[in-house]
PDB file of all heavy atoms in Angstrom:
ATOM      1  N   GLU A   1      21.634 -18.393  11.437  1.00  0.00           N
ATOM      2  CA  GLU A   1      21.298 -18.759  12.821  1.00  0.00           C
ATOM      3  C   GLU A   1      19.778 -18.666  13.048  1.00  0.00           C
ATOM      4  O   GLU A   1      19.203 -19.507  13.726  1.00  0.00           O
ATOM      5  CB  GLU A   1      22.032 -17.827  13.799  1.00  0.00           C
ATOM      6  CG  GLU A   1      23.533 -18.014  13.849  1.00  0.00           C
ATOM      7  CD  GLU A   1      23.942 -19.330  14.518  1.00  0.00           C
ATOM      8  OE1 GLU A   1      23.060 -20.033  15.054  1.00  0.00           O
ATOM      9  OE2 GLU A   1      25.145 -19.660  14.480  1.00  0.00           O
ATOM     10  N   LEU A   2      19.178 -17.646  12.458  1.00  0.00           N
ATOM     11  CA  LEU A   2      17.727 -17.495  12.607  1.00  0.00           C
ATOM     12  C   LEU A   2      16.998 -18.654  11.955  1.00  0.00           C
ATOM     13  O   LEU A   2      16.079 -19.233  12.536  1.00  0.00           O
ATOM     14  CB  LEU A   2      17.287 -16.165  11.992  1.00  0.00           C
ATOM     15  CG  LEU A   2      15.797 -15.826  12.130  1.00  0.00           C
ATOM     16  CD1 LEU A   2      15.420 -15.666  13.603  1.00  0.00           C
ATOM     17  CD2 LEU A   2      15.471 -14.549  11.366  1.00  0.00           C
ATOM     18  N   ARG A   3      17.439 -19.032  10.754  1.00  0.00           N
ATOM     19  CA  ARG A   3      16.783 -20.126  10.042  1.00  0.00           C
ATOM     20  C   ARG A   3      17.000 -21.465  10.738  1.00  0.00           C
ATOM     21  O   ARG A   3      16.194 -22.385  10.607  1.00  0.00           O
ATOM     22  CB  ARG A   3      17.295 -20.200   8.606  1.00  0.00           C
ATOM     23  CG  ARG A   3      16.799 -19.062   7.717  1.00  0.00           C
ATOM     24  CD  ARG A   3      17.422 -19.120   6.330  1.00  0.00           C
ATOM     25  NE  ARG A   3      16.957 -18.029   5.504  1.00  0.00           N
ATOM     26  CZ  ARG A   3      15.852 -18.053   4.757  1.00  0.00           C
ATOM     27  NH1 ARG A   3      15.100 -19.154   4.752  1.00  0.00           N
ATOM     28  NH2 ARG A   3      15.495 -17.014   4.033  1.00  0.00           N
ATOM     29  N   SER A   4      18.084 -21.588  11.480  1.00  0.00           N
ATOM     30  CA  SER A   4      18.358 -22.852  12.177  1.00  0.00           C
ATOM     31  C   SER A   4      17.701 -22.898  13.556  1.00  0.00           C
ATOM     32  O   SER A   4      17.974 -23.793  14.343  1.00  0.00           O
ATOM     33  CB  SER A   4      19.866 -23.061  12.309  1.00  0.00           C
ATOM     34  OG  SER A   4      20.437 -22.050  13.141  1.00  0.00           O
ATOM     35  N   GLY A   5      16.865 -21.911  13.843  1.00  0.00           N
ATOM     36  CA  GLY A   5      16.127 -21.934  15.111  1.00  0.00           C
ATOM     37  C   GLY A   5      16.875 -21.352  16.276  1.00  0.00           C
ATOM     38  O   GLY A   5      16.610 -21.725  17.433  1.00  0.00           O
ATOM     39  N   GLN A   6      17.816 -20.443  16.020  1.00  0.00           N
ATOM     40  CA  GLN A   6      18.581 -19.806  17.082  1.00  0.00           C
ATOM     41  C   GLN A   6      18.349 -18.294  17.042  1.00  0.00           C
ATOM     42  O   GLN A   6      19.266 -17.502  16.722  1.00  0.00           O
ATOM     43  CB  GLN A   6      20.073 -20.110  16.915  1.00  0.00           C
ATOM     44  CG  GLN A   6      20.440 -21.568  16.980  1.00  0.00           C
ATOM     45  CD  GLN A   6      20.199 -22.134  18.373  1.00  0.00           C
ATOM     46  OE1 GLN A   6      20.359 -21.435  19.362  1.00  0.00           O
ATOM     47  NE2 GLN A   6      19.797 -23.403  18.437  1.00  0.00           N
ATOM     48  N   PRO A   7      17.113 -17.825  17.366  1.00  0.00           N
ATOM     49  CA  PRO A   7      16.821 -16.392  17.258  1.00  0.00           C
ATOM     50  C   PRO A   7      17.658 -15.543  18.201  1.00  0.00           C
ATOM     51  O   PRO A   7      17.970 -14.390  17.895  1.00  0.00           O
ATOM     52  CB  PRO A   7      15.335 -16.307  17.596  1.00  0.00           C
ATOM     53  CG  PRO A   7      15.040 -17.531  18.401  1.00  0.00           C
ATOM     54  CD  PRO A   7      15.939 -18.588  17.844  1.00  0.00           C
ATOM     55  N   GLY A   8      18.032 -16.090  19.370  1.00  0.00           N
ATOM     56  CA  GLY A   8      18.838 -15.321  20.319  1.00  0.00           C
ATOM     57  C   GLY A   8      20.199 -14.972  19.750  1.00  0.00           C
ATOM     58  O   GLY A   8      20.680 -13.834  19.856  1.00  0.00           O
ATOM     59  N   VAL A   9      20.833 -15.967  19.113  1.00  0.00           N
ATOM     60  CA  VAL A   9      22.146 -15.744  18.512  1.00  0.00           C
ATOM     61  C   VAL A   9      22.015 -14.792  17.332  1.00  0.00           C
ATOM     62  O   VAL A   9      22.816 -13.861  17.159  1.00  0.00           O
ATOM     63  CB  VAL A   9      22.766 -17.083  18.063  1.00  0.00           C
ATOM     64  CG1 VAL A   9      24.102 -16.835  17.348  1.00  0.00           C
ATOM     65  CG2 VAL A   9      22.958 -18.005  19.253  1.00  0.00           C
ATOM     66  N   ALA A  10      20.990 -15.033  16.507  1.00  0.00           N
ATOM     67  CA  ALA A  10      20.756 -14.164  15.347  1.00  0.00           C
ATOM     68  C   ALA A  10      20.561 -12.718  15.794  1.00  0.00           C
ATOM     69  O   ALA A  10      21.089 -11.782  15.166  1.00  0.00           O
ATOM     70  CB  ALA A  10      19.532 -14.647  14.583  1.00  0.00           C
ATOM     71  N   PHE A  11      19.809 -12.542  16.878  1.00  0.00           N
ATOM     72  CA  PHE A  11      19.557 -11.200  17.399  1.00  0.00           C
ATOM     73  C   PHE A  11      20.859 -10.493  17.744  1.00  0.00           C
ATOM     74  O   PHE A  11      21.092  -9.339  17.345  1.00  0.00           O
ATOM     75  CB  PHE A  11      18.643 -11.297  18.620  1.00  0.00           C
ATOM     76  CG  PHE A  11      18.446 -10.001  19.359  1.00  0.00           C
ATOM     77  CD1 PHE A  11      17.498  -9.091  18.935  1.00  0.00           C
ATOM     78  CD2 PHE A  11      19.223  -9.689  20.471  1.00  0.00           C
ATOM     79  CE1 PHE A  11      17.329  -7.885  19.613  1.00  0.00           C
ATOM     80  CE2 PHE A  11      19.066  -8.488  21.144  1.00  0.00           C
ATOM     81  CZ  PHE A  11      18.101  -7.587  20.717  1.00  0.00           C
ATOM     82  N   GLN A  12      21.729 -11.172  18.481  1.00  0.00           N
ATOM     83  CA  GLN A  12      22.985 -10.554  18.917  1.00  0.00           C
ATOM     84  C   GLN A  12      23.884 -10.219  17.721  1.00  0.00           C
ATOM     85  O   GLN A  12      24.469  -9.125  17.656  1.00  0.00           O
ATOM     86  CB  GLN A  12      23.726 -11.494  19.875  1.00  0.00           C
ATOM     87  CG  GLN A  12      23.023 -11.720  21.201  1.00  0.00           C
ATOM     88  CD  GLN A  12      22.944 -10.461  22.041  1.00  0.00           C
ATOM     89  OE1 GLN A  12      23.683  -9.499  21.827  1.00  0.00           O
ATOM     90  NE2 GLN A  12      22.027 -10.447  22.997  1.00  0.00           N
ATOM     91  N   VAL A  13      23.980 -11.144  16.755  1.00  0.00           N
ATOM     92  CA  VAL A  13      24.853 -10.932  15.596  1.00  0.00           C
ATOM     93  C   VAL A  13      24.358  -9.761  14.756  1.00  0.00           C
ATOM     94  O   VAL A  13      25.117  -8.870  14.367  1.00  0.00           O
ATOM     95  CB  VAL A  13      24.921 -12.221  14.745  1.00  0.00           C
ATOM     96  CG1 VAL A  13      25.628 -11.952  13.418  1.00  0.00           C
ATOM     97  CG2 VAL A  13      25.640 -13.326  15.511  1.00  0.00           C
ATOM     98  N   LEU A  14      23.036  -9.744  14.493  1.00  0.00           N
ATOM     99  CA  LEU A  14      22.486  -8.703  13.626  1.00  0.00           C
ATOM    100  C   LEU A  14      22.411  -7.354  14.333  1.00  0.00           C
ATOM    101  O   LEU A  14      22.543  -6.301  13.687  1.00  0.00           O
ATOM    102  CB  LEU A  14      21.102  -9.128  13.121  1.00  0.00           C
ATOM    103  CG  LEU A  14      21.107 -10.345  12.186  1.00  0.00           C
ATOM    104  CD1 LEU A  14      19.684 -10.753  11.825  1.00  0.00           C
ATOM    105  CD2 LEU A  14      21.916 -10.061  10.918  1.00  0.00           C
ATOM    106  N   LEU A  15      22.195  -7.370  15.653  1.00  0.00           N
ATOM    107  CA  LEU A  15      22.186  -6.108  16.386  1.00  0.00           C
ATOM    108  C   LEU A  15      23.569  -5.458  16.341  1.00  0.00           C
ATOM    109  O   LEU A  15      23.693  -4.235  16.174  1.00  0.00           O
ATOM    110  CB  LEU A  15      21.742  -6.327  17.834  1.00  0.00           C
ATOM    111  CG  LEU A  15      21.750  -5.084  18.736  1.00  0.00           C
ATOM    112  CD1 LEU A  15      20.853  -3.983  18.167  1.00  0.00           C
ATOM    113  CD2 LEU A  15      21.310  -5.442  20.161  1.00  0.00           C
ATOM    114  N   ASP A  16      24.606  -6.280  16.463  1.00  0.00           N
ATOM    115  CA  ASP A  16      25.969  -5.745  16.368  1.00  0.00           C
ATOM    116  C   ASP A  16      26.206  -5.128  14.986  1.00  0.00           C
ATOM    117  O   ASP A  16      26.794  -4.045  14.862  1.00  0.00           O
ATOM    118  CB  ASP A  16      26.977  -6.862  16.634  1.00  0.00           C
ATOM    119  CG  ASP A  16      28.412  -6.363  16.534  1.00  0.00           C
ATOM    120  OD1 ASP A  16      28.819  -5.562  17.398  1.00  0.00           O
ATOM    121  OD2 ASP A  16      29.102  -6.766  15.582  1.00  0.00           O
ATOM    122  N   ALA A  17      25.703  -5.811  13.970  1.00  0.00           N
ATOM    123  CA  ALA A  17      25.852  -5.288  12.608  1.00  0.00           C
ATOM    124  C   ALA A  17      25.087  -3.979  12.445  1.00  0.00           C
ATOM    125  O   ALA A  17      25.577  -3.034  11.813  1.00  0.00           O
ATOM    126  CB  ALA A  17      25.354  -6.329  11.602  1.00  0.00           C
ATOM    127  N   ALA A  18      23.886  -3.913  13.023  1.00  0.00           N
ATOM    128  CA  ALA A  18      23.089  -2.686  12.923  1.00  0.00           C
ATOM    129  C   ALA A  18      23.791  -1.532  13.619  1.00  0.00           C
ATOM    130  O   ALA A  18      23.807  -0.394  13.117  1.00  0.00           O
ATOM    131  CB  ALA A  18      21.708  -2.924  13.530  1.00  0.00           C
ATOM    132  N   ARG A  19      24.382  -1.801  14.771  1.00  0.00           N
ATOM    133  CA  ARG A  19      25.091  -0.740  15.493  1.00  0.00           C
ATOM    134  C   ARG A  19      26.286  -0.243  14.681  1.00  0.00           C
ATOM    135  O   ARG A  19      26.599   0.951  14.655  1.00  0.00           O
ATOM    136  CB  ARG A  19      25.549  -1.263  16.854  1.00  0.00           C
ATOM    137  CG  ARG A  19      24.449  -1.290  17.911  1.00  0.00           C
ATOM    138  CD  ARG A  19      24.969  -1.857  19.201  1.00  0.00           C
ATOM    139  NE  ARG A  19      24.047  -1.639  20.313  1.00  0.00           N
ATOM    140  CZ  ARG A  19      23.804  -2.519  21.266  1.00  0.00           C
ATOM    141  NH1 ARG A  19      24.419  -3.708  21.230  1.00  0.00           N
ATOM    142  NH2 ARG A  19      22.980  -2.238  22.239  1.00  0.00           N
ATOM    143  N   ARG A  20      26.996  -1.178  14.032  1.00  0.00           N
ATOM    144  CA  ARG A  20      28.189  -0.812  13.247  1.00  0.00           C
ATOM    145  C   ARG A  20      27.825   0.044  12.046  1.00  0.00           C
ATOM    146  O   ARG A  20      28.545   0.970  11.690  1.00  0.00           O
ATOM    147  CB  ARG A  20      28.918  -2.072  12.786  1.00  0.00           C
ATOM    148  CG  ARG A  20      29.699  -2.789  13.883  1.00  0.00           C
ATOM    149  CD  ARG A  20      30.272  -4.091  13.352  1.00  0.00           C
ATOM    150  NE  ARG A  20      31.033  -3.865  12.108  1.00  0.00           N
ATOM    151  CZ  ARG A  20      31.303  -4.819  11.227  1.00  0.00           C
ATOM    152  NH1 ARG A  20      30.873  -6.048  11.433  1.00  0.00           N
ATOM    153  NH2 ARG A  20      32.005  -4.536  10.145  1.00  0.00           N
ATOM    154  N   THR A  21      26.663  -0.270  11.440  1.00  0.00           N
ATOM    155  CA  THR A  21      26.316   0.411  10.192  1.00  0.00           C
ATOM    156  C   THR A  21      25.345   1.570  10.384  1.00  0.00           C
ATOM    157  O   THR A  21      25.296   2.479   9.549  1.00  0.00           O
ATOM    158  CB  THR A  21      25.655  -0.582   9.225  1.00  0.00           C
ATOM    159  OG1 THR A  21      24.435  -1.079   9.819  1.00  0.00           O
ATOM    160  CG2 THR A  21      26.586  -1.743   8.921  1.00  0.00           C
ATOM    161  N   GLY A  22      24.554   1.532  11.457  1.00  0.00           N
ATOM    162  CA  GLY A  22      23.510   2.545  11.636  1.00  0.00           C
ATOM    163  C   GLY A  22      22.413   2.419  10.597  1.00  0.00           C
ATOM    164  O   GLY A  22      21.685   3.382  10.325  1.00  0.00           O
ATOM    165  N   ASP A  23      22.273   1.228  10.033  1.00  0.00           N
ATOM    166  CA  ASP A  23      21.281   0.997   8.983  1.00  0.00           C
ATOM    167  C   ASP A  23      19.888   0.796   9.604  1.00  0.00           C
ATOM    168  O   ASP A  23      19.688  -0.135  10.388  1.00  0.00           O
ATOM    169  CB  ASP A  23      21.675  -0.234   8.163  1.00  0.00           C
ATOM    170  CG  ASP A  23      20.775  -0.440   6.968  1.00  0.00           C
ATOM    171  OD1 ASP A  23      19.664  -0.966   7.162  1.00  0.00           O
ATOM    172  OD2 ASP A  23      21.164  -0.049   5.851  1.00  0.00           O
ATOM    173  N   GLU A  24      18.924   1.656   9.248  1.00  0.00           N
ATOM    174  CA  GLU A  24      17.590   1.588   9.861  1.00  0.00           C
ATOM    175  C   GLU A  24      16.840   0.312   9.484  1.00  0.00           C
ATOM    176  O   GLU A  24      16.117  -0.250  10.294  1.00  0.00           O
ATOM    177  CB  GLU A  24      16.760   2.817   9.479  1.00  0.00           C
ATOM    178  CG  GLU A  24      17.306   4.103  10.081  1.00  0.00           C
ATOM    179  CD  GLU A  24      16.217   5.149  10.225  1.00  0.00           C
ATOM    180  OE1 GLU A  24      15.289   4.947  11.051  1.00  0.00           O
ATOM    181  OE2 GLU A  24      16.292   6.152   9.513  1.00  0.00           O
ATOM    182  N   ALA A  25      17.012  -0.134   8.245  1.00  0.00           N
ATOM    183  CA  ALA A  25      16.338  -1.370   7.830  1.00  0.00           C
ATOM    184  C   ALA A  25      16.840  -2.552   8.661  1.00  0.00           C
ATOM    185  O   ALA A  25      16.068  -3.450   9.022  1.00  0.00           O
ATOM    186  CB  ALA A  25      16.590  -1.619   6.340  1.00  0.00           C
ATOM    187  N   LEU A  26      18.131  -2.534   8.988  1.00  0.00           N
ATOM    188  CA  LEU A  26      18.703  -3.615   9.788  1.00  0.00           C
ATOM    189  C   LEU A  26      18.204  -3.541  11.234  1.00  0.00           C
ATOM    190  O   LEU A  26      17.887  -4.569  11.846  1.00  0.00           O
ATOM    191  CB  LEU A  26      20.225  -3.527   9.729  1.00  0.00           C
ATOM    192  CG  LEU A  26      21.013  -4.770  10.175  1.00  0.00           C
ATOM    193  CD1 LEU A  26      20.481  -6.025   9.538  1.00  0.00           C
ATOM    194  CD2 LEU A  26      22.499  -4.570   9.835  1.00  0.00           C
ATOM    195  N   PHE A  27      18.118  -2.330  11.794  1.00  0.00           N
ATOM    196  CA  PHE A  27      17.536  -2.189  13.136  1.00  0.00           C
ATOM    197  C   PHE A  27      16.082  -2.694  13.147  1.00  0.00           C
ATOM    198  O   PHE A  27      15.657  -3.360  14.081  1.00  0.00           O
ATOM    199  CB  PHE A  27      17.580  -0.726  13.580  1.00  0.00           C
ATOM    200  CG  PHE A  27      18.870  -0.327  14.220  1.00  0.00           C
ATOM    201  CD1 PHE A  27      19.693   0.640  13.647  1.00  0.00           C
ATOM    202  CD2 PHE A  27      19.276  -0.908  15.417  1.00  0.00           C
ATOM    203  CE1 PHE A  27      20.881   1.021  14.251  1.00  0.00           C
ATOM    204  CE2 PHE A  27      20.470  -0.538  16.026  1.00  0.00           C
ATOM    205  CZ  PHE A  27      21.279   0.431  15.438  1.00  0.00           C
ATOM    206  N   ARG A  28      15.368  -2.344  12.107  1.00  0.00           N
ATOM    207  CA  ARG A  28      13.968  -2.769  12.004  1.00  0.00           C
ATOM    208  C   ARG A  28      13.876  -4.298  12.005  1.00  0.00           C
ATOM    209  O   ARG A  28      13.021  -4.887  12.645  1.00  0.00           O
ATOM    210  CB  ARG A  28      13.368  -2.181  10.733  1.00  0.00           C
ATOM    211  CG  ARG A  28      11.853  -2.180  10.684  1.00  0.00           C
ATOM    212  CD  ARG A  28      11.359  -1.528   9.398  1.00  0.00           C
ATOM    213  NE  ARG A  28      11.772  -0.137   9.298  1.00  0.00           N
ATOM    214  CZ  ARG A  28      12.567   0.340   8.340  1.00  0.00           C
ATOM    215  NH1 ARG A  28      13.054  -0.468   7.407  1.00  0.00           N
ATOM    216  NH2 ARG A  28      12.880   1.625   8.318  1.00  0.00           N
ATOM    217  N   ARG A  29      14.818  -4.916  11.270  1.00  0.00           N
ATOM    218  CA  ARG A  29      14.856  -6.376  11.193  1.00  0.00           C
ATOM    219  C   ARG A  29      15.157  -6.989  12.561  1.00  0.00           C
ATOM    220  O   ARG A  29      14.552  -7.977  12.964  1.00  0.00           O
ATOM    221  CB  ARG A  29      15.941  -6.790  10.177  1.00  0.00           C
ATOM    222  CG  ARG A  29      16.227  -8.275  10.074  1.00  0.00           C
ATOM    223  CD  ARG A  29      15.077  -9.026   9.506  1.00  0.00           C
ATOM    224  NE  ARG A  29      15.440 -10.410   9.214  1.00  0.00           N
ATOM    225  CZ  ARG A  29      14.579 -11.414   9.267  1.00  0.00           C
ATOM    226  NH1 ARG A  29      13.306 -11.195   9.590  1.00  0.00           N
ATOM    227  NH2 ARG A  29      14.964 -12.644   8.981  1.00  0.00           N
ATOM    228  N   VAL A  30      16.078  -6.410  13.292  1.00  0.00           N
ATOM    229  CA  VAL A  30      16.458  -6.941  14.611  1.00  0.00           C
ATOM    230  C   VAL A  30      15.281  -6.841  15.586  1.00  0.00           C
ATOM    231  O   VAL A  30      14.997  -7.783  16.339  1.00  0.00           O
ATOM    232  CB  VAL A  30      17.684  -6.185  15.164  1.00  0.00           C
ATOM    233  CG1 VAL A  30      18.010  -6.668  16.568  1.00  0.00           C
ATOM    234  CG2 VAL A  30      18.879  -6.394  14.249  1.00  0.00           C
ATOM    235  N   VAL A  31      14.599  -5.707  15.593  1.00  0.00           N
ATOM    236  CA  VAL A  31      13.425  -5.551  16.467  1.00  0.00           C
ATOM    237  C   VAL A  31      12.372  -6.587  16.115  1.00  0.00           C
ATOM    238  O   VAL A  31      11.767  -7.214  16.997  1.00  0.00           O
ATOM    239  CB  VAL A  31      12.842  -4.123  16.347  1.00  0.00           C
ATOM    240  CG1 VAL A  31      11.501  -4.031  17.093  1.00  0.00           C
ATOM    241  CG2 VAL A  31      13.813  -3.095  16.892  1.00  0.00           C
ATOM    242  N   ASP A  32      12.177  -6.818  14.817  1.00  0.00           N
ATOM    243  CA  ASP A  32      11.176  -7.785  14.373  1.00  0.00           C
ATOM    244  C   ASP A  32      11.537  -9.195  14.821  1.00  0.00           C
ATOM    245  O   ASP A  32      10.669  -9.968  15.244  1.00  0.00           O
ATOM    246  CB  ASP A  32      11.050  -7.718  12.845  1.00  0.00           C
ATOM    247  CG  ASP A  32       9.921  -8.598  12.344  1.00  0.00           C
ATOM    248  OD1 ASP A  32       8.783  -8.408  12.802  1.00  0.00           O
ATOM    249  OD2 ASP A  32      10.177  -9.477  11.490  1.00  0.00           O
ATOM    250  N   ILE A  33      12.808  -9.544  14.754  1.00  0.00           N
ATOM    251  CA  ILE A  33      13.253 -10.871  15.215  1.00  0.00           C
ATOM    252  C   ILE A  33      12.914 -11.054  16.697  1.00  0.00           C
ATOM    253  O   ILE A  33      12.397 -12.097  17.122  1.00  0.00           O
ATOM    254  CB  ILE A  33      14.765 -11.056  14.969  1.00  0.00           C
ATOM    255  CG1 ILE A  33      15.040 -11.202  13.468  1.00  0.00           C
ATOM    256  CG2 ILE A  33      15.307 -12.264  15.735  1.00  0.00           C
ATOM    257  CD1 ILE A  33      16.520 -11.153  13.107  1.00  0.00           C
ATOM    258  N   ALA A  34      13.207 -10.051  17.502  1.00  0.00           N
ATOM    259  CA  ALA A  34      12.927 -10.147  18.940  1.00  0.00           C
ATOM    260  C   ALA A  34      11.429 -10.257  19.211  1.00  0.00           C
ATOM    261  O   ALA A  34      10.987 -11.046  20.057  1.00  0.00           O
ATOM    262  CB  ALA A  34      13.506  -8.930  19.658  1.00  0.00           C
ATOM    263  N   LEU A  35      10.640  -9.490  18.479  1.00  0.00           N
ATOM    264  CA  LEU A  35       9.185  -9.528  18.692  1.00  0.00           C
ATOM    265  C   LEU A  35       8.613 -10.883  18.294  1.00  0.00           C
ATOM    266  O   LEU A  35       7.740 -11.424  18.987  1.00  0.00           O
ATOM    267  CB  LEU A  35       8.511  -8.410  17.911  1.00  0.00           C
ATOM    268  CG  LEU A  35       8.758  -6.995  18.431  1.00  0.00           C
ATOM    269  CD1 LEU A  35       8.135  -5.961  17.501  1.00  0.00           C
ATOM    270  CD2 LEU A  35       8.191  -6.832  19.845  1.00  0.00           C
ATOM    271  N   GLN A  36       9.106 -11.436  17.176  1.00  0.00           N
ATOM    272  CA  GLN A  36       8.615 -12.749  16.761  1.00  0.00           C
ATOM    273  C   GLN A  36       8.996 -13.831  17.764  1.00  0.00           C
ATOM    274  O   GLN A  36       8.280 -14.822  17.918  1.00  0.00           O
ATOM    275  CB  GLN A  36       9.161 -13.091  15.376  1.00  0.00           C
ATOM    276  CG  GLN A  36       8.520 -12.269  14.256  1.00  0.00           C
ATOM    277  CD  GLN A  36       8.945 -12.736  12.887  1.00  0.00           C
ATOM    278  OE1 GLN A  36       9.461 -13.832  12.726  1.00  0.00           O
ATOM    279  NE2 GLN A  36       8.722 -11.891  11.894  1.00  0.00           N
ATOM    280  N   ALA A  37      10.108 -13.627  18.450  1.00  0.00           N
ATOM    281  CA  ALA A  37      10.538 -14.575  19.489  1.00  0.00           C
ATOM    282  C   ALA A  37       9.885 -14.272  20.839  1.00  0.00           C
ATOM    283  O   ALA A  37      10.212 -14.896  21.839  1.00  0.00           O
ATOM    284  CB  ALA A  37      12.052 -14.538  19.620  1.00  0.00           C
ATOM    285  N   ARG A  38       8.970 -13.282  20.846  1.00  0.00           N
ATOM    286  CA  ARG A  38       8.291 -12.856  22.077  1.00  0.00           C
ATOM    287  C   ARG A  38       9.290 -12.413  23.151  1.00  0.00           C
ATOM    288  O   ARG A  38       9.110 -12.680  24.343  1.00  0.00           O
ATOM    289  CB  ARG A  38       7.378 -13.965  22.622  1.00  0.00           C
ATOM    290  CG  ARG A  38       6.280 -14.366  21.648  1.00  0.00           C
ATOM    291  CD  ARG A  38       5.381 -15.439  22.238  1.00  0.00           C
ATOM    292  NE  ARG A  38       4.374 -15.854  21.289  1.00  0.00           N
ATOM    293  CZ  ARG A  38       3.197 -15.248  21.094  1.00  0.00           C
ATOM    294  NH1 ARG A  38       2.908 -14.169  21.796  1.00  0.00           N
ATOM    295  NH2 ARG A  38       2.331 -15.708  20.211  1.00  0.00           N
ATOM    296  N   ALA A  39      10.340 -11.784  22.710  1.00  0.00           N
ATOM    297  CA  ALA A  39      11.380 -11.297  23.621  1.00  0.00           C
ATOM    298  C   ALA A  39      11.275  -9.774  23.688  1.00  0.00           C
ATOM    299  O   ALA A  39      12.018  -9.051  23.002  1.00  0.00           O
ATOM    300  CB  ALA A  39      12.755 -11.746  23.147  1.00  0.00           C
TER     301      ALA A  39
END
């Protein structure tokens, strides 16, 4: 979704995954996606 230009959808999907796993690298990735989208 991120590669297809849908950062909002990618954010929601990956944030859910980060919450499920508690993986810090994944949380870091989600924050970075939002920042790159200026959100």
